[in-house]
């Protein structure tokens, strides 16, 4: 398993509020399944970051693609790449 960091911004859309509960339920399911390490928005609420635990870049991308926010085009400027923890612990 490897860690993957997703960063993203938000589109100005009413879909963000409409899909929020579905998005949070999806993230909680990923957490329960061991695929989500942590997630949250930036303090200014212009976007956020998610750290995923996946077998490959393609597997991480599939997790992102299944997120209700991704499907509803709530997020923009998504950037997903493998990430290595060097200092500290999870």
PDB file of N, CA and C in Angstrom:
ATOM      1  N   UNK A   1       0.852  -1.186   0.000  1.00  0.00           N
ATOM      2  CA  UNK A   1       0.000   0.000   0.000  1.00  0.00           C
ATOM      3  C   UNK A   1       0.891   1.241   0.000  1.00  0.00           C
ATOM      4  N   UNK A   2       0.386   2.269  -0.624  1.00  0.00           N
ATOM      5  CA  UNK A   2       1.101   3.536  -0.708  1.00  0.00           C
ATOM      6  C   UNK A   2       0.143   4.664  -0.343  1.00  0.00           C
ATOM      7  N   UNK A   3       0.724   5.793   0.040  1.00  0.00           N
ATOM      8  CA  UNK A   3      -0.067   6.972   0.353  1.00  0.00           C
ATOM      9  C   UNK A   3      -0.177   7.864  -0.882  1.00  0.00           C
ATOM     10  N   UNK A   4      -1.341   8.486  -1.048  1.00  0.00           N
ATOM     11  CA  UNK A   4      -1.592   9.403  -2.153  1.00  0.00           C
ATOM     12  C   UNK A   4      -2.245  10.659  -1.600  1.00  0.00           C
ATOM     13  N   UNK A   5      -1.747  11.796  -2.041  1.00  0.00           N
ATOM     14  CA  UNK A   5      -2.271  13.084  -1.611  1.00  0.00           C
ATOM     15  C   UNK A   5      -3.109  13.686  -2.732  1.00  0.00           C
ATOM     16  N   UNK A   6      -4.343  14.021  -2.411  1.00  0.00           N
ATOM     17  CA  UNK A   6      -5.239  14.707  -3.336  1.00  0.00           C
ATOM     18  C   UNK A   6      -5.448  16.116  -2.810  1.00  0.00           C
ATOM     19  N   UNK A   7      -5.191  17.113  -3.649  1.00  0.00           N
ATOM     20  CA  UNK A   7      -5.551  18.492  -3.327  1.00  0.00           C
ATOM     21  C   UNK A   7      -6.553  18.959  -4.379  1.00  0.00           C
ATOM     22  N   UNK A   8      -7.422  19.876  -3.996  1.00  0.00           N
ATOM     23  CA  UNK A   8      -8.478  20.318  -4.907  1.00  0.00           C
ATOM     24  C   UNK A   8      -9.044  21.657  -4.463  1.00  0.00           C
ATOM     25  N   UNK A   9      -9.728  22.313  -5.384  1.00  0.00           N
ATOM     26  CA  UNK A   9     -10.499  23.514  -5.101  1.00  0.00           C
ATOM     27  C   UNK A   9     -11.970  23.203  -5.317  1.00  0.00           C
ATOM     28  N   UNK A  10     -12.806  24.188  -5.061  1.00  0.00           N
ATOM     29  CA  UNK A  10     -14.256  24.025  -5.241  1.00  0.00           C
ATOM     30  C   UNK A  10     -14.768  24.916  -6.357  1.00  0.00           C
ATOM     31  N   UNK A  11     -15.679  24.388  -7.150  1.00  0.00           N
ATOM     32  CA  UNK A  11     -16.453  25.208  -8.076  1.00  0.00           C
ATOM     33  C   UNK A  11     -17.518  25.937  -7.264  1.00  0.00           C
ATOM     34  N   UNK A  12     -17.925  27.093  -7.754  1.00  0.00           N
ATOM     35  CA  UNK A  12     -19.063  27.791  -7.153  1.00  0.00           C
ATOM     36  C   UNK A  12     -20.326  27.112  -7.673  1.00  0.00           C
ATOM     37  N   UNK A  13     -20.914  26.245  -6.857  1.00  0.00           N
ATOM     38  CA  UNK A  13     -22.090  25.481  -7.276  1.00  0.00           C
ATOM     39  C   UNK A  13     -22.925  25.123  -6.065  1.00  0.00           C
ATOM     40  N   UNK A  14     -24.238  25.057  -6.255  1.00  0.00           N
ATOM     41  CA  UNK A  14     -25.117  24.630  -5.173  1.00  0.00           C
ATOM     42  C   UNK A  14     -24.988  23.134  -4.910  1.00  0.00           C
ATOM     43  N   UNK A  15     -24.311  22.421  -5.793  1.00  0.00           N
ATOM     44  CA  UNK A  15     -24.116  20.983  -5.614  1.00  0.00           C
ATOM     45  C   UNK A  15     -23.226  20.665  -4.407  1.00  0.00           C
ATOM     46  N   UNK A  16     -22.378  21.616  -4.000  1.00  0.00           N
ATOM     47  CA  UNK A  16     -21.524  21.370  -2.835  1.00  0.00           C
ATOM     48  C   UNK A  16     -22.381  21.097  -1.602  1.00  0.00           C
ATOM     49  N   UNK A  17     -23.334  21.963  -1.338  1.00  0.00           N
ATOM     50  CA  UNK A  17     -24.223  21.767  -0.192  1.00  0.00           C
ATOM     51  C   UNK A  17     -25.132  20.569  -0.413  1.00  0.00           C
ATOM     52  N   UNK A  18     -25.625  20.402  -1.629  1.00  0.00           N
ATOM     53  CA  UNK A  18     -26.557  19.319  -1.929  1.00  0.00           C
ATOM     54  C   UNK A  18     -25.910  17.940  -1.788  1.00  0.00           C
ATOM     55  N   UNK A  19     -24.625  17.831  -2.068  1.00  0.00           N
ATOM     56  CA  UNK A  19     -23.919  16.532  -2.042  1.00  0.00           C
ATOM     57  C   UNK A  19     -23.071  16.330  -0.786  1.00  0.00           C
ATOM     58  N   UNK A  20     -23.060  17.291   0.130  1.00  0.00           N
ATOM     59  CA  UNK A  20     -22.168  17.223   1.294  1.00  0.00           C
ATOM     60  C   UNK A  20     -22.355  15.957   2.129  1.00  0.00           C
ATOM     61  N   UNK A  21     -23.575  15.625   2.485  1.00  0.00           N
ATOM     62  CA  UNK A  21     -23.811  14.439   3.333  1.00  0.00           C
ATOM     63  C   UNK A  21     -23.364  13.164   2.620  1.00  0.00           C
ATOM     64  N   UNK A  22     -23.648  13.080   1.326  1.00  0.00           N
ATOM     65  CA  UNK A  22     -23.229  11.916   0.532  1.00  0.00           C
ATOM     66  C   UNK A  22     -21.699  11.840   0.459  1.00  0.00           C
ATOM     67  N   UNK A  23     -21.050  12.990   0.286  1.00  0.00           N
ATOM     68  CA  UNK A  23     -19.589  13.075   0.243  1.00  0.00           C
ATOM     69  C   UNK A  23     -18.996  12.617   1.576  1.00  0.00           C
ATOM     70  N   UNK A  24     -19.520  13.120   2.683  1.00  0.00           N
ATOM     71  CA  UNK A  24     -19.001  12.740   4.002  1.00  0.00           C
ATOM     72  C   UNK A  24     -19.241  11.262   4.296  1.00  0.00           C
ATOM     73  N   UNK A  25     -20.378  10.735   3.897  1.00  0.00           N
ATOM     74  CA  UNK A  25     -20.644   9.303   4.078  1.00  0.00           C
ATOM     75  C   UNK A  25     -19.639   8.474   3.281  1.00  0.00           C
ATOM     76  N   UNK A  26     -19.339   8.908   2.068  1.00  0.00           N
ATOM     77  CA  UNK A  26     -18.353   8.200   1.244  1.00  0.00           C
ATOM     78  C   UNK A  26     -16.979   8.231   1.910  1.00  0.00           C
ATOM     79  N   UNK A  27     -16.563   9.392   2.392  1.00  0.00           N
ATOM     80  CA  UNK A  27     -15.261   9.484   3.063  1.00  0.00           C
ATOM     81  C   UNK A  27     -15.218   8.614   4.313  1.00  0.00           C
ATOM     82  N   UNK A  28     -16.302   8.586   5.074  1.00  0.00           N
ATOM     83  CA  UNK A  28     -16.341   7.740   6.273  1.00  0.00           C
ATOM     84  C   UNK A  28     -16.274   6.263   5.920  1.00  0.00           C
ATOM     85  N   UNK A  29     -16.885   5.872   4.817  1.00  0.00           N
ATOM     86  CA  UNK A  29     -16.780   4.483   4.371  1.00  0.00           C
ATOM     87  C   UNK A  29     -15.342   4.157   3.991  1.00  0.00           C
ATOM     88  N   UNK A  30     -14.679   5.081   3.270  1.00  0.00           N
ATOM     89  CA  UNK A  30     -13.264   4.865   2.931  1.00  0.00           C
ATOM     90  C   UNK A  30     -12.419   4.731   4.195  1.00  0.00           C
ATOM     91  N   UNK A  31     -12.703   5.560   5.188  1.00  0.00           N
ATOM     92  CA  UNK A  31     -11.972   5.476   6.465  1.00  0.00           C
ATOM     93  C   UNK A  31     -12.185   4.118   7.105  1.00  0.00           C
ATOM     94  N   UNK A  32     -13.421   3.675   7.165  1.00  0.00           N
ATOM     95  CA  UNK A  32     -13.733   2.371   7.758  1.00  0.00           C
ATOM     96  C   UNK A  32     -13.065   1.236   7.005  1.00  0.00           C
ATOM     97  N   UNK A  33     -12.911   1.385   5.687  1.00  0.00           N
ATOM     98  CA  UNK A  33     -12.279   0.362   4.848  1.00  0.00           C
ATOM     99  C   UNK A  33     -10.747   0.430   4.880  1.00  0.00           C
ATOM    100  N   UNK A  34     -10.197   1.472   5.525  1.00  0.00           N
ATOM    101  CA  UNK A  34      -8.750   1.630   5.606  1.00  0.00           C
ATOM    102  C   UNK A  34      -8.134   2.371   4.427  1.00  0.00           C
ATOM    103  N   UNK A  35      -8.957   2.912   3.534  1.00  0.00           N
ATOM    104  CA  UNK A  35      -8.443   3.596   2.346  1.00  0.00           C
ATOM    105  C   UNK A  35      -8.236   5.093   2.565  1.00  0.00           C
ATOM    106  N   UNK A  36      -8.865   5.651   3.585  1.00  0.00           N
ATOM    107  CA  UNK A  36      -8.719   7.075   3.864  1.00  0.00           C
ATOM    108  C   UNK A  36      -7.893   7.259   5.126  1.00  0.00           C
ATOM    109  N   UNK A  37      -6.836   8.056   5.032  1.00  0.00           N
ATOM    110  CA  UNK A  37      -5.997   8.354   6.195  1.00  0.00           C
ATOM    111  C   UNK A  37      -6.562   9.574   6.910  1.00  0.00           C
ATOM    112  N   UNK A  38      -6.741  10.671   6.186  1.00  0.00           N
ATOM    113  CA  UNK A  38      -7.403  11.848   6.724  1.00  0.00           C
ATOM    114  C   UNK A  38      -7.847  12.744   5.584  1.00  0.00           C
ATOM    115  N   UNK A  39      -8.767  13.655   5.915  1.00  0.00           N
ATOM    116  CA  UNK A  39      -9.330  14.551   4.904  1.00  0.00           C
ATOM    117  C   UNK A  39      -9.871  15.790   5.585  1.00  0.00           C
ATOM    118  N   UNK A  40      -9.876  16.890   4.847  1.00  0.00           N
ATOM    119  CA  UNK A  40     -10.492  18.100   5.375  1.00  0.00           C
ATOM    120  C   UNK A  40     -10.301  19.282   4.458  1.00  0.00           C
ATOM    121  N   UNK A  41     -11.134  20.310   4.675  1.00  0.00           N
ATOM    122  CA  UNK A  41     -11.045  21.515   3.858  1.00  0.00           C
ATOM    123  C   UNK A  41      -9.956  22.453   4.381  1.00  0.00           C
ATOM    124  N   UNK A  42      -9.534  23.358   3.506  1.00  0.00           N
ATOM    125  CA  UNK A  42      -8.645  24.431   3.937  1.00  0.00           C
ATOM    126  C   UNK A  42      -9.425  25.346   4.868  1.00  0.00           C
ATOM    127  N   UNK A  43      -8.726  26.058   5.724  1.00  0.00           N
ATOM    128  CA  UNK A  43      -9.366  26.961   6.683  1.00  0.00           C
ATOM    129  C   UNK A  43     -10.263  27.985   5.989  1.00  0.00           C
ATOM    130  N   UNK A  44      -9.844  28.458   4.810  1.00  0.00           N
ATOM    131  CA  UNK A  44     -10.639  29.459   4.097  1.00  0.00           C
ATOM    132  C   UNK A  44     -11.739  28.849   3.223  1.00  0.00           C
ATOM    133  N   UNK A  45     -11.867  27.535   3.257  1.00  0.00           N
ATOM    134  CA  UNK A  45     -12.917  26.794   2.554  1.00  0.00           C
ATOM    135  C   UNK A  45     -12.873  26.934   1.031  1.00  0.00           C
ATOM    136  N   UNK A  46     -11.689  27.224   0.488  1.00  0.00           N
ATOM    137  CA  UNK A  46     -11.547  27.323  -0.966  1.00  0.00           C
ATOM    138  C   UNK A  46     -11.208  25.991  -1.605  1.00  0.00           C
ATOM    139  N   UNK A  47     -10.958  24.980  -0.805  1.00  0.00           N
ATOM    140  CA  UNK A  47     -10.583  23.661  -1.299  1.00  0.00           C
ATOM    141  C   UNK A  47     -10.241  22.773  -0.128  1.00  0.00           C
ATOM    142  N   UNK A  48      -9.496  21.704  -0.412  1.00  0.00           N
ATOM    143  CA  UNK A  48      -9.149  20.799   0.662  1.00  0.00           C
ATOM    144  C   UNK A  48      -8.093  19.807   0.228  1.00  0.00           C
ATOM    145  N   UNK A  49      -7.823  18.866   1.131  1.00  0.00           N
ATOM    146  CA  UNK A  49      -6.829  17.831   0.881  1.00  0.00           C
ATOM    147  C   UNK A  49      -7.317  16.514   1.481  1.00  0.00           C
ATOM    148  N   UNK A  50      -6.952  15.437   0.820  1.00  0.00           N
ATOM    149  CA  UNK A  50      -7.295  14.083   1.270  1.00  0.00           C
ATOM    150  C   UNK A  50      -6.049  13.224   1.106  1.00  0.00           C
ATOM    151  N   UNK A  51      -5.743  12.422   2.116  1.00  0.00           N
ATOM    152  CA  UNK A  51      -4.669  11.438   1.998  1.00  0.00           C
ATOM    153  C   UNK A  51      -5.319  10.061   1.957  1.00  0.00           C
ATOM    154  N   UNK A  52      -4.996   9.332   0.889  1.00  0.00           N
ATOM    155  CA  UNK A  52      -5.557   7.997   0.665  1.00  0.00           C
ATOM    156  C   UNK A  52      -4.476   6.936   0.790  1.00  0.00           C
ATOM    157  N   UNK A  53      -4.888   5.751   1.132  1.00  0.00           N
ATOM    158  CA  UNK A  53      -4.031   4.583   1.198  1.00  0.00           C
ATOM    159  C   UNK A  53      -4.527   3.624   0.114  1.00  0.00           C
ATOM    160  N   UNK A  54      -3.699   3.400  -0.916  1.00  0.00           N
ATOM    161  CA  UNK A  54      -4.147   2.587  -2.049  1.00  0.00           C
ATOM    162  C   UNK A  54      -2.989   1.771  -2.616  1.00  0.00           C
ATOM    163  N   UNK A  55      -3.328   0.777  -3.408  1.00  0.00           N
ATOM    164  CA  UNK A  55      -2.331  -0.106  -4.017  1.00  0.00           C
ATOM    165  C   UNK A  55      -1.544   0.570  -5.138  1.00  0.00           C
ATOM    166  N   UNK A  56      -2.164   1.530  -5.823  1.00  0.00           N
ATOM    167  CA  UNK A  56      -1.529   2.148  -6.985  1.00  0.00           C
ATOM    168  C   UNK A  56      -2.175   3.499  -7.264  1.00  0.00           C
ATOM    169  N   UNK A  57      -1.554   4.244  -8.163  1.00  0.00           N
ATOM    170  CA  UNK A  57      -2.109   5.522  -8.606  1.00  0.00           C
ATOM    171  C   UNK A  57      -3.501   5.310  -9.209  1.00  0.00           C
ATOM    172  N   UNK A  58      -3.636   4.259 -10.016  1.00  0.00           N
ATOM    173  CA  UNK A  58      -4.938   3.976 -10.633  1.00  0.00           C
ATOM    174  C   UNK A  58      -5.995   3.664  -9.594  1.00  0.00           C
ATOM    175  N   UNK A  59      -5.632   2.902  -8.554  1.00  0.00           N
ATOM    176  CA  UNK A  59      -6.590   2.579  -7.496  1.00  0.00           C
ATOM    177  C   UNK A  59      -6.988   3.835  -6.731  1.00  0.00           C
ATOM    178  N   UNK A  60      -6.028   4.710  -6.448  1.00  0.00           N
ATOM    179  CA  UNK A  60      -6.338   5.971  -5.771  1.00  0.00           C
ATOM    180  C   UNK A  60      -7.231   6.840  -6.653  1.00  0.00           C
ATOM    181  N   UNK A  61      -6.930   6.903  -7.939  1.00  0.00           N
ATOM    182  CA  UNK A  61      -7.737   7.688  -8.872  1.00  0.00           C
ATOM    183  C   UNK A  61      -9.174   7.162  -8.929  1.00  0.00           C
ATOM    184  N   UNK A  62      -9.349   5.865  -8.838  1.00  0.00           N
ATOM    185  CA  UNK A  62     -10.693   5.284  -8.846  1.00  0.00           C
ATOM    186  C   UNK A  62     -11.464   5.699  -7.590  1.00  0.00           C
ATOM    187  N   UNK A  63     -10.778   5.762  -6.452  1.00  0.00           N
ATOM    188  CA  UNK A  63     -11.430   6.217  -5.220  1.00  0.00           C
ATOM    189  C   UNK A  63     -11.886   7.669  -5.369  1.00  0.00           C
ATOM    190  N   UNK A  64     -11.044   8.498  -5.955  1.00  0.00           N
ATOM    191  CA  UNK A  64     -11.392   9.904  -6.183  1.00  0.00           C
ATOM    192  C   UNK A  64     -12.569   9.993  -7.156  1.00  0.00           C
ATOM    193  N   UNK A  65     -12.539   9.210  -8.207  1.00  0.00           N
ATOM    194  CA  UNK A  65     -13.602   9.256  -9.222  1.00  0.00           C
ATOM    195  C   UNK A  65     -14.959   8.869  -8.642  1.00  0.00           C
ATOM    196  N   UNK A  66     -14.978   7.999  -7.626  1.00  0.00           N
ATOM    197  CA  UNK A  66     -16.236   7.558  -7.027  1.00  0.00           C
ATOM    198  C   UNK A  66     -16.798   8.526  -5.988  1.00  0.00           C
ATOM    199  N   UNK A  67     -16.020   9.531  -5.606  1.00  0.00           N
ATOM    200  CA  UNK A  67     -16.484  10.503  -4.614  1.00  0.00           C
ATOM    201  C   UNK A  67     -17.657  11.293  -5.198  1.00  0.00           C
ATOM    202  N   UNK A  68     -18.735  11.444  -4.445  1.00  0.00           N
ATOM    203  CA  UNK A  68     -19.878  12.215  -4.944  1.00  0.00           C
ATOM    204  C   UNK A  68     -19.509  13.647  -5.353  1.00  0.00           C
ATOM    205  N   UNK A  69     -18.547  14.257  -4.701  1.00  0.00           N
ATOM    206  CA  UNK A  69     -18.107  15.596  -5.097  1.00  0.00           C
ATOM    207  C   UNK A  69     -17.439  15.573  -6.469  1.00  0.00           C
ATOM    208  N   UNK A  70     -16.689  14.529  -6.756  1.00  0.00           N
ATOM    209  CA  UNK A  70     -16.066  14.420  -8.079  1.00  0.00           C
ATOM    210  C   UNK A  70     -17.130  14.180  -9.136  1.00  0.00           C
ATOM    211  N   UNK A  71     -18.029  13.243  -8.871  1.00  0.00           N
ATOM    212  CA  UNK A  71     -19.078  12.914  -9.843  1.00  0.00           C
ATOM    213  C   UNK A  71     -19.967  14.114 -10.165  1.00  0.00           C
ATOM    214  N   UNK A  72     -20.222  14.972  -9.165  1.00  0.00           N
ATOM    215  CA  UNK A  72     -21.084  16.136  -9.365  1.00  0.00           C
ATOM    216  C   UNK A  72     -20.283  17.374  -9.787  1.00  0.00           C
ATOM    217  N   UNK A  73     -18.997  17.197 -10.042  1.00  0.00           N
ATOM    218  CA  UNK A  73     -18.126  18.317 -10.451  1.00  0.00           C
ATOM    219  C   UNK A  73     -18.131  19.459  -9.435  1.00  0.00           C
ATOM    220  N   UNK A  74     -18.197  19.099  -8.151  1.00  0.00           N
ATOM    221  CA  UNK A  74     -18.082  20.091  -7.082  1.00  0.00           C
ATOM    222  C   UNK A  74     -16.633  20.560  -6.970  1.00  0.00           C
ATOM    223  N   UNK A  75     -15.693  19.626  -7.141  1.00  0.00           N
ATOM    224  CA  UNK A  75     -14.281  19.969  -7.010  1.00  0.00           C
ATOM    225  C   UNK A  75     -13.663  20.272  -8.369  1.00  0.00           C
ATOM    226  N   UNK A  76     -12.600  21.062  -8.325  1.00  0.00           N
ATOM    227  CA  UNK A  76     -11.860  21.424  -9.535  1.00  0.00           C
ATOM    228  C   UNK A  76     -10.368  21.385  -9.210  1.00  0.00           C
ATOM    229  N   UNK A  77      -9.575  21.476 -10.222  1.00  0.00           N
ATOM    230  CA  UNK A  77      -8.114  21.521 -10.048  1.00  0.00           C
ATOM    231  C   UNK A  77      -7.621  20.379  -9.162  1.00  0.00           C
ATOM    232  N   UNK A  78      -8.202  19.196  -9.374  1.00  0.00           N
ATOM    233  CA  UNK A  78      -7.786  18.030  -8.589  1.00  0.00           C
ATOM    234  C   UNK A  78      -6.373  17.625  -8.986  1.00  0.00           C
ATOM    235  N   UNK A  79      -5.535  17.413  -7.974  1.00  0.00           N
ATOM    236  CA  UNK A  79      -4.160  17.012  -8.206  1.00  0.00           C
ATOM    237  C   UNK A  79      -3.874  15.837  -7.284  1.00  0.00           C
ATOM    238  N   UNK A  80      -3.651  14.672  -7.859  1.00  0.00           N
ATOM    239  CA  UNK A  80      -3.428  13.438  -7.106  1.00  0.00           C
ATOM    240  C   UNK A  80      -2.037  12.922  -7.415  1.00  0.00           C
ATOM    241  N   UNK A  81      -1.267  12.689  -6.374  1.00  0.00           N
ATOM    242  CA  UNK A  81       0.058  12.111  -6.593  1.00  0.00           C
ATOM    243  C   UNK A  81       0.471  11.293  -5.382  1.00  0.00           C
ATOM    244  N   UNK A  82       1.369  10.357  -5.632  1.00  0.00           N
ATOM    245  CA  UNK A  82       1.863   9.526  -4.547  1.00  0.00           C
ATOM    246  C   UNK A  82       2.653  10.403  -3.585  1.00  0.00           C
ATOM    247  N   UNK A  83       2.510  10.110  -2.302  1.00  0.00           N
ATOM    248  CA  UNK A  83       3.117  10.935  -1.254  1.00  0.00           C
ATOM    249  C   UNK A  83       3.835  10.023  -0.273  1.00  0.00           C
ATOM    250  N   UNK A  84       4.984  10.472   0.197  1.00  0.00           N
ATOM    251  CA  UNK A  84       5.776   9.668   1.131  1.00  0.00           C
ATOM    252  C   UNK A  84       5.932  10.425   2.433  1.00  0.00           C
ATOM    253  N   UNK A  85       5.533   9.819   3.528  1.00  0.00           N
ATOM    254  CA  UNK A  85       5.704  10.390   4.845  1.00  0.00           C
ATOM    255  C   UNK A  85       7.153  10.198   5.270  1.00  0.00           C
ATOM    256  N   UNK A  86       7.847  11.287   5.564  1.00  0.00           N
ATOM    257  CA  UNK A  86       9.268  11.210   5.917  1.00  0.00           C
ATOM    258  C   UNK A  86       9.488  11.464   7.405  1.00  0.00           C
ATOM    259  N   UNK A  87       8.793  12.448   7.961  1.00  0.00           N
ATOM    260  CA  UNK A  87       8.962  12.797   9.365  1.00  0.00           C
ATOM    261  C   UNK A  87       7.604  12.767  10.023  1.00  0.00           C
ATOM    262  N   UNK A  88       7.539  12.202  11.214  1.00  0.00           N
ATOM    263  CA  UNK A  88       6.278  12.095  11.938  1.00  0.00           C
ATOM    264  C   UNK A  88       5.674  10.714  11.715  1.00  0.00           C
ATOM    265  N   UNK A  89       4.456  10.565  12.195  1.00  0.00           N
ATOM    266  CA  UNK A  89       3.784   9.283  12.041  1.00  0.00           C
ATOM    267  C   UNK A  89       2.288   9.496  11.905  1.00  0.00           C
ATOM    268  N   UNK A  90       1.631   8.507  11.394  1.00  0.00           N
ATOM    269  CA  UNK A  90       0.184   8.560  11.219  1.00  0.00           C
ATOM    270  C   UNK A  90      -0.479   7.695  12.258  1.00  0.00           C
TER     271      UNK A  90
END
